[in-house]
C-alpha atoms as a PDB file:
ATOM      1  CA  UNK A   1     137.955 139.293  21.124  1.00  0.00           C
ATOM      2  CA  UNK A   2     138.112 136.577  23.438  1.00  0.00           C
ATOM      3  CA  UNK A   3     139.842 136.973  26.737  1.00  0.00           C
ATOM      4  CA  UNK A   4     140.696 133.583  28.326  1.00  0.00           C
ATOM      5  CA  UNK A   5     141.100 134.120  32.169  1.00  0.00           C
ATOM      6  CA  UNK A   6     143.018 131.174  33.555  1.00  0.00           C
ATOM      7  CA  UNK A   7     145.912 130.056  35.889  1.00  0.00           C
ATOM      8  CA  UNK A   8     149.004 128.197  35.715  1.00  0.00           C
ATOM      9  CA  UNK A   9     147.875 125.671  38.266  1.00  0.00           C
ATOM     10  CA  UNK A  10     144.481 125.045  36.437  1.00  0.00           C
ATOM     11  CA  UNK A  11     144.146 121.652  34.888  1.00  0.00           C
ATOM     12  CA  UNK A  12     140.965 122.465  32.745  1.00  0.00           C
ATOM     13  CA  UNK A  13     143.100 125.590  31.342  1.00  0.00           C
ATOM     14  CA  UNK A  14     145.857 123.551  30.079  1.00  0.00           C
ATOM     15  CA  UNK A  15     143.092 121.142  28.523  1.00  0.00           C
ATOM     16  CA  UNK A  16     141.657 123.839  26.689  1.00  0.00           C
ATOM     17  CA  UNK A  17     145.267 125.593  25.478  1.00  0.00           C
ATOM     18  CA  UNK A  18     145.323 123.029  22.086  1.00  0.00           C
ATOM     19  CA  UNK A  19     141.620 123.757  21.497  1.00  0.00           C
ATOM     20  CA  UNK A  20     142.258 127.808  22.036  1.00  0.00           C
ATOM     21  CA  UNK A  21     145.213 127.353  19.484  1.00  0.00           C
ATOM     22  CA  UNK A  22     142.944 125.584  16.760  1.00  0.00           C
ATOM     23  CA  UNK A  23     140.394 128.172  17.345  1.00  0.00           C
ATOM     24  CA  UNK A  24     142.677 130.936  16.968  1.00  0.00           C
ATOM     25  CA  UNK A  25     143.973 129.732  13.773  1.00  0.00           C
ATOM     26  CA  UNK A  26     140.412 129.003  12.569  1.00  0.00           C
ATOM     27  CA  UNK A  27     138.832 132.685  13.679  1.00  0.00           C
ATOM     28  CA  UNK A  28     141.766 134.652  12.397  1.00  0.00           C
ATOM     29  CA  UNK A  29     139.284 137.949  12.530  1.00  0.00           C
ATOM     30  CA  UNK A  30     139.206 137.231  16.267  1.00  0.00           C
ATOM     31  CA  UNK A  31     141.775 138.162  18.796  1.00  0.00           C
ATOM     32  CA  UNK A  32     142.401 135.630  21.505  1.00  0.00           C
ATOM     33  CA  UNK A  33     144.047 136.846  24.754  1.00  0.00           C
ATOM     34  CA  UNK A  34     145.450 134.786  27.685  1.00  0.00           C
ATOM     35  CA  UNK A  35     145.442 136.446  31.108  1.00  0.00           C
ATOM     36  CA  UNK A  36     146.598 135.001  33.968  1.00  0.00           C
ATOM     37  CA  UNK A  37     144.386 135.527  37.101  1.00  0.00           C
ATOM     38  CA  UNK A  38     147.618 135.384  39.775  1.00  0.00           C
ATOM     39  CA  UNK A  39     149.034 137.940  37.836  1.00  0.00           C
ATOM     40  CA  UNK A  40     146.592 140.279  37.038  1.00  0.00           C
ATOM     41  CA  UNK A  41     143.925 139.850  39.540  1.00  0.00           C
ATOM     42  CA  UNK A  42     142.356 143.260  39.405  1.00  0.00           C
ATOM     43  CA  UNK A  43     141.399 142.474  35.789  1.00  0.00           C
ATOM     44  CA  UNK A  44     140.025 139.242  36.843  1.00  0.00           C
ATOM     45  CA  UNK A  45     137.945 140.869  39.365  1.00  0.00           C
ATOM     46  CA  UNK A  46     136.834 143.798  37.275  1.00  0.00           C
ATOM     47  CA  UNK A  47     135.366 140.982  35.100  1.00  0.00           C
ATOM     48  CA  UNK A  48     133.743 139.401  37.878  1.00  0.00           C
ATOM     49  CA  UNK A  49     135.798 136.235  37.183  1.00  0.00           C
ATOM     50  CA  UNK A  50     135.197 133.666  39.590  1.00  0.00           C
ATOM     51  CA  UNK A  51     136.435 130.180  38.133  1.00  0.00           C
ATOM     52  CA  UNK A  52     138.804 129.078  35.657  1.00  0.00           C
ATOM     53  CA  UNK A  53     138.653 128.855  32.800  1.00  0.00           C
ATOM     54  CA  UNK A  54     136.377 131.429  32.080  1.00  0.00           C
ATOM     55  CA  UNK A  55     136.167 133.253  28.513  1.00  0.00           C
ATOM     56  CA  UNK A  56     135.004 136.527  27.946  1.00  0.00           C
ATOM     57  CA  UNK A  57     133.894 137.766  24.544  1.00  0.00           C
ATOM     58  CA  UNK A  58     134.462 141.331  24.092  1.00  0.00           C
ATOM     59  CA  UNK A  59     132.961 143.390  21.129  1.00  0.00           C
ATOM     60  CA  UNK A  60     133.748 146.994  20.576  1.00  0.00           C
ATOM     61  CA  UNK A  61     134.862 147.323  24.240  1.00  0.00           C
ATOM     62  CA  UNK A  62     131.869 145.769  25.750  1.00  0.00           C
ATOM     63  CA  UNK A  63     131.560 142.255  26.668  1.00  0.00           C
ATOM     64  CA  UNK A  64     128.750 140.221  24.793  1.00  0.00           C
ATOM     65  CA  UNK A  65     129.004 136.943  25.840  1.00  0.00           C
ATOM     66  CA  UNK A  66     130.945 134.213  28.229  1.00  0.00           C
ATOM     67  CA  UNK A  67     131.714 131.057  29.022  1.00  0.00           C
ATOM     68  CA  UNK A  68     132.814 129.634  32.270  1.00  0.00           C
ATOM     69  CA  UNK A  69     134.357 126.087  32.506  1.00  0.00           C
ATOM     70  CA  UNK A  70     136.169 123.964  29.887  1.00  0.00           C
ATOM     71  CA  UNK A  71     133.367 123.870  27.608  1.00  0.00           C
ATOM     72  CA  UNK A  72     135.045 123.800  23.979  1.00  0.00           C
ATOM     73  CA  UNK A  73     131.672 123.456  21.837  1.00  0.00           C
ATOM     74  CA  UNK A  74     129.853 126.183  23.596  1.00  0.00           C
ATOM     75  CA  UNK A  75     132.787 128.448  23.424  1.00  0.00           C
ATOM     76  CA  UNK A  76     133.244 127.814  19.456  1.00  0.00           C
ATOM     77  CA  UNK A  77     129.376 128.522  19.034  1.00  0.00           C
ATOM     78  CA  UNK A  78     129.677 131.740  20.751  1.00  0.00           C
ATOM     79  CA  UNK A  79     132.637 132.623  18.959  1.00  0.00           C
ATOM     80  CA  UNK A  80     130.979 131.842  15.853  1.00  0.00           C
ATOM     81  CA  UNK A  81     127.728 133.957  16.683  1.00  0.00           C
ATOM     82  CA  UNK A  82     129.620 136.852  17.816  1.00  0.00           C
ATOM     83  CA  UNK A  83     132.822 137.222  15.380  1.00  0.00           C
ATOM     84  CA  UNK A  84     131.344 139.693  12.758  1.00  0.00           C
END
């Protein structure tokens, strides 16, 4: 699972949206979830999110990796590595 911590006012988050849709189509075995930090600040705090966008990769209920910032290639590499 990839949790996308974003905000409606975040420019880099908007930039990543089309790429995330492409990745969700490519990695059909991975669930992509978008979470607005302004709507769910407790969850963002629980994951220690301090910048947007932050992508947290979760496997079997545990964080296995994360990418901070609009780093398309880095995110794709980590999803590929952790998808199985």
